[in-house]
């Protein structure tokens, strides 16, 4: 217990003396890098319809956008800021992210659907 407390105290002191301020990318400048995903098995069929897909992880498809009543109900601040490098406050105030995750807006990356 003593070692854990000492470690936490040291970590707290380091963060107070030398805080790290995350630098976020604006969503309008954000891009999804899918190069690592293309190393995984992709579905060769590009049409978007319900079917059993075997021996692959992702399908390359254009999403069918949600057309009405779209709202951002819940989002993980931790995932946005620590995994996607996006500012939580900007995302919840901006409709671009909502439109992207609802399929209304495409960005530079190829759309992928997890199977």
C-alpha atoms as a PDB file:
ATOM      1  CA  UNK A   1       0.000   0.000   0.000  1.00  0.00           C
ATOM      2  CA  UNK A   2       2.846   2.348   0.851  1.00  0.00           C
ATOM      3  CA  UNK A   3       4.487   1.803  -2.561  1.00  0.00           C
ATOM      4  CA  UNK A   4       1.218   2.460  -4.418  1.00  0.00           C
ATOM      5  CA  UNK A   5       0.640   5.707  -2.509  1.00  0.00           C
ATOM      6  CA  UNK A   6       4.231   6.817  -3.171  1.00  0.00           C
ATOM      7  CA  UNK A   7       3.821   6.084  -6.878  1.00  0.00           C
ATOM      8  CA  UNK A   8       0.527   8.001  -7.040  1.00  0.00           C
ATOM      9  CA  UNK A   9       2.018  10.932  -5.144  1.00  0.00           C
ATOM     10  CA  UNK A  10       5.055  11.030  -7.460  1.00  0.00           C
ATOM     11  CA  UNK A  11       2.820  10.857 -10.525  1.00  0.00           C
ATOM     12  CA  UNK A  12       0.636  13.662  -9.183  1.00  0.00           C
ATOM     13  CA  UNK A  13       3.680  15.817  -8.433  1.00  0.00           C
ATOM     14  CA  UNK A  14       5.151  15.233 -11.913  1.00  0.00           C
ATOM     15  CA  UNK A  15       1.829  16.168 -13.521  1.00  0.00           C
ATOM     16  CA  UNK A  16       1.573  19.333 -11.427  1.00  0.00           C
ATOM     17  CA  UNK A  17       5.114  20.420 -12.263  1.00  0.00           C
ATOM     18  CA  UNK A  18       5.064  19.332 -15.903  1.00  0.00           C
ATOM     19  CA  UNK A  19       1.432  19.048 -17.049  1.00  0.00           C
ATOM     20  CA  UNK A  20       0.700  17.642 -20.461  1.00  0.00           C
ATOM     21  CA  UNK A  21      -1.899  19.591 -22.344  1.00  0.00           C
ATOM     22  CA  UNK A  22      -3.440  17.515 -25.109  1.00  0.00           C
ATOM     23  CA  UNK A  23      -3.476  19.024 -28.566  1.00  0.00           C
ATOM     24  CA  UNK A  24      -6.663  18.232 -30.405  1.00  0.00           C
ATOM     25  CA  UNK A  25      -7.413  18.267 -34.095  1.00  0.00           C
ATOM     26  CA  UNK A  26     -10.472  20.175 -35.272  1.00  0.00           C
ATOM     27  CA  UNK A  27     -13.008  17.793 -36.760  1.00  0.00           C
ATOM     28  CA  UNK A  28     -12.912  19.705 -40.061  1.00  0.00           C
ATOM     29  CA  UNK A  29      -9.183  18.788 -40.320  1.00  0.00           C
ATOM     30  CA  UNK A  30      -9.500  15.269 -38.891  1.00  0.00           C
ATOM     31  CA  UNK A  31      -9.003  12.204 -41.047  1.00  0.00           C
ATOM     32  CA  UNK A  32      -9.428   8.549 -40.311  1.00  0.00           C
ATOM     33  CA  UNK A  33      -6.309   6.577 -41.199  1.00  0.00           C
ATOM     34  CA  UNK A  34      -7.413   3.157 -42.331  1.00  0.00           C
ATOM     35  CA  UNK A  35      -4.080   1.912 -43.695  1.00  0.00           C
ATOM     36  CA  UNK A  36      -3.705  -0.569 -40.824  1.00  0.00           C
ATOM     37  CA  UNK A  37      -7.214  -1.884 -41.473  1.00  0.00           C
ATOM     38  CA  UNK A  38      -6.351  -2.794 -45.052  1.00  0.00           C
ATOM     39  CA  UNK A  39      -3.880  -5.337 -43.699  1.00  0.00           C
ATOM     40  CA  UNK A  40      -6.872  -7.247 -42.287  1.00  0.00           C
ATOM     41  CA  UNK A  41      -9.116  -9.416 -44.484  1.00  0.00           C
ATOM     42  CA  UNK A  42     -11.714  -7.254 -46.283  1.00  0.00           C
ATOM     43  CA  UNK A  43     -14.975  -8.389 -47.816  1.00  0.00           C
ATOM     44  CA  UNK A  44     -14.595  -8.440 -51.633  1.00  0.00           C
ATOM     45  CA  UNK A  45     -18.299  -7.581 -52.138  1.00  0.00           C
ATOM     46  CA  UNK A  46     -18.828  -3.792 -52.201  1.00  0.00           C
ATOM     47  CA  UNK A  47     -22.635  -3.697 -52.320  1.00  0.00           C
ATOM     48  CA  UNK A  48     -24.433  -2.759 -49.123  1.00  0.00           C
ATOM     49  CA  UNK A  49     -27.052  -5.388 -48.255  1.00  0.00           C
ATOM     50  CA  UNK A  50     -27.706  -7.826 -45.426  1.00  0.00           C
ATOM     51  CA  UNK A  51     -25.799 -11.080 -45.905  1.00  0.00           C
ATOM     52  CA  UNK A  52     -23.493 -13.520 -44.133  1.00  0.00           C
ATOM     53  CA  UNK A  53     -19.898 -12.454 -44.594  1.00  0.00           C
ATOM     54  CA  UNK A  54     -17.167 -15.017 -44.029  1.00  0.00           C
ATOM     55  CA  UNK A  55     -13.420 -14.825 -43.496  1.00  0.00           C
ATOM     56  CA  UNK A  56     -13.179 -11.049 -43.217  1.00  0.00           C
ATOM     57  CA  UNK A  57     -13.276  -8.287 -40.624  1.00  0.00           C
ATOM     58  CA  UNK A  58     -14.596  -5.259 -42.572  1.00  0.00           C
ATOM     59  CA  UNK A  59     -16.673  -4.482 -45.618  1.00  0.00           C
ATOM     60  CA  UNK A  60     -15.978  -1.451 -47.774  1.00  0.00           C
ATOM     61  CA  UNK A  61     -19.417   0.131 -48.214  1.00  0.00           C
ATOM     62  CA  UNK A  62     -21.029   3.535 -48.536  1.00  0.00           C
ATOM     63  CA  UNK A  63     -23.359   3.938 -45.547  1.00  0.00           C
ATOM     64  CA  UNK A  64     -27.089   4.385 -45.853  1.00  0.00           C
ATOM     65  CA  UNK A  65     -27.555   7.729 -44.089  1.00  0.00           C
ATOM     66  CA  UNK A  66     -30.150   8.305 -41.408  1.00  0.00           C
ATOM     67  CA  UNK A  67     -32.447  10.912 -42.901  1.00  0.00           C
ATOM     68  CA  UNK A  68     -34.431  12.576 -40.134  1.00  0.00           C
ATOM     69  CA  UNK A  69     -34.399  13.204 -36.420  1.00  0.00           C
ATOM     70  CA  UNK A  70     -30.684  12.561 -35.978  1.00  0.00           C
ATOM     71  CA  UNK A  71     -29.230  13.581 -32.616  1.00  0.00           C
ATOM     72  CA  UNK A  72     -25.969  12.782 -30.898  1.00  0.00           C
ATOM     73  CA  UNK A  73     -27.247  11.064 -27.767  1.00  0.00           C
ATOM     74  CA  UNK A  74     -24.094   9.712 -26.158  1.00  0.00           C
ATOM     75  CA  UNK A  75     -20.393   9.787 -26.922  1.00  0.00           C
ATOM     76  CA  UNK A  76     -17.290   8.700 -25.031  1.00  0.00           C
ATOM     77  CA  UNK A  77     -15.167  11.682 -24.037  1.00  0.00           C
ATOM     78  CA  UNK A  78     -12.263   9.341 -23.334  1.00  0.00           C
ATOM     79  CA  UNK A  79     -12.440   7.745 -26.796  1.00  0.00           C
ATOM     80  CA  UNK A  80     -12.798  11.101 -28.564  1.00  0.00           C
ATOM     81  CA  UNK A  81      -9.920  12.769 -26.779  1.00  0.00           C
ATOM     82  CA  UNK A  82      -7.499   9.898 -26.164  1.00  0.00           C
ATOM     83  CA  UNK A  83      -8.082   7.677 -29.200  1.00  0.00           C
ATOM     84  CA  UNK A  84      -9.331   9.994 -31.937  1.00  0.00           C
ATOM     85  CA  UNK A  85      -7.537  13.174 -30.796  1.00  0.00           C
ATOM     86  CA  UNK A  86     -10.779  15.177 -31.042  1.00  0.00           C
ATOM     87  CA  UNK A  87     -11.970  17.862 -28.621  1.00  0.00           C
ATOM     88  CA  UNK A  88     -15.083  16.683 -26.763  1.00  0.00           C
ATOM     89  CA  UNK A  89     -16.471  20.213 -26.351  1.00  0.00           C
ATOM     90  CA  UNK A  90     -16.155  20.955 -30.076  1.00  0.00           C
ATOM     91  CA  UNK A  91     -17.746  17.634 -31.046  1.00  0.00           C
ATOM     92  CA  UNK A  92     -20.878  18.043 -28.932  1.00  0.00           C
ATOM     93  CA  UNK A  93     -21.416  21.580 -30.273  1.00  0.00           C
ATOM     94  CA  UNK A  94     -20.774  20.768 -33.928  1.00  0.00           C
ATOM     95  CA  UNK A  95     -23.208  18.958 -36.243  1.00  0.00           C
ATOM     96  CA  UNK A  96     -20.427  17.716 -38.572  1.00  0.00           C
ATOM     97  CA  UNK A  97     -19.458  14.843 -36.263  1.00  0.00           C
ATOM     98  CA  UNK A  98     -23.105  13.853 -35.784  1.00  0.00           C
ATOM     99  CA  UNK A  99     -23.589  13.870 -39.548  1.00  0.00           C
ATOM    100  CA  UNK A 100     -20.438  11.760 -40.008  1.00  0.00           C
ATOM    101  CA  UNK A 101     -21.410   9.044 -37.523  1.00  0.00           C
ATOM    102  CA  UNK A 102     -24.981   8.943 -38.862  1.00  0.00           C
ATOM    103  CA  UNK A 103     -23.785   8.358 -42.438  1.00  0.00           C
ATOM    104  CA  UNK A 104     -24.913  11.754 -43.718  1.00  0.00           C
ATOM    105  CA  UNK A 105     -21.370  12.983 -44.315  1.00  0.00           C
ATOM    106  CA  UNK A 106     -18.366  11.148 -45.679  1.00  0.00           C
ATOM    107  CA  UNK A 107     -14.804  12.200 -45.012  1.00  0.00           C
ATOM    108  CA  UNK A 108     -11.629  11.399 -46.938  1.00  0.00           C
ATOM    109  CA  UNK A 109     -11.377   7.816 -45.768  1.00  0.00           C
ATOM    110  CA  UNK A 110     -13.050   4.866 -47.417  1.00  0.00           C
ATOM    111  CA  UNK A 111     -16.180   3.939 -45.489  1.00  0.00           C
ATOM    112  CA  UNK A 112     -15.796   0.661 -43.623  1.00  0.00           C
ATOM    113  CA  UNK A 113     -18.394  -1.381 -41.772  1.00  0.00           C
ATOM    114  CA  UNK A 114     -17.357  -3.782 -39.009  1.00  0.00           C
ATOM    115  CA  UNK A 115     -18.657  -7.344 -39.440  1.00  0.00           C
END
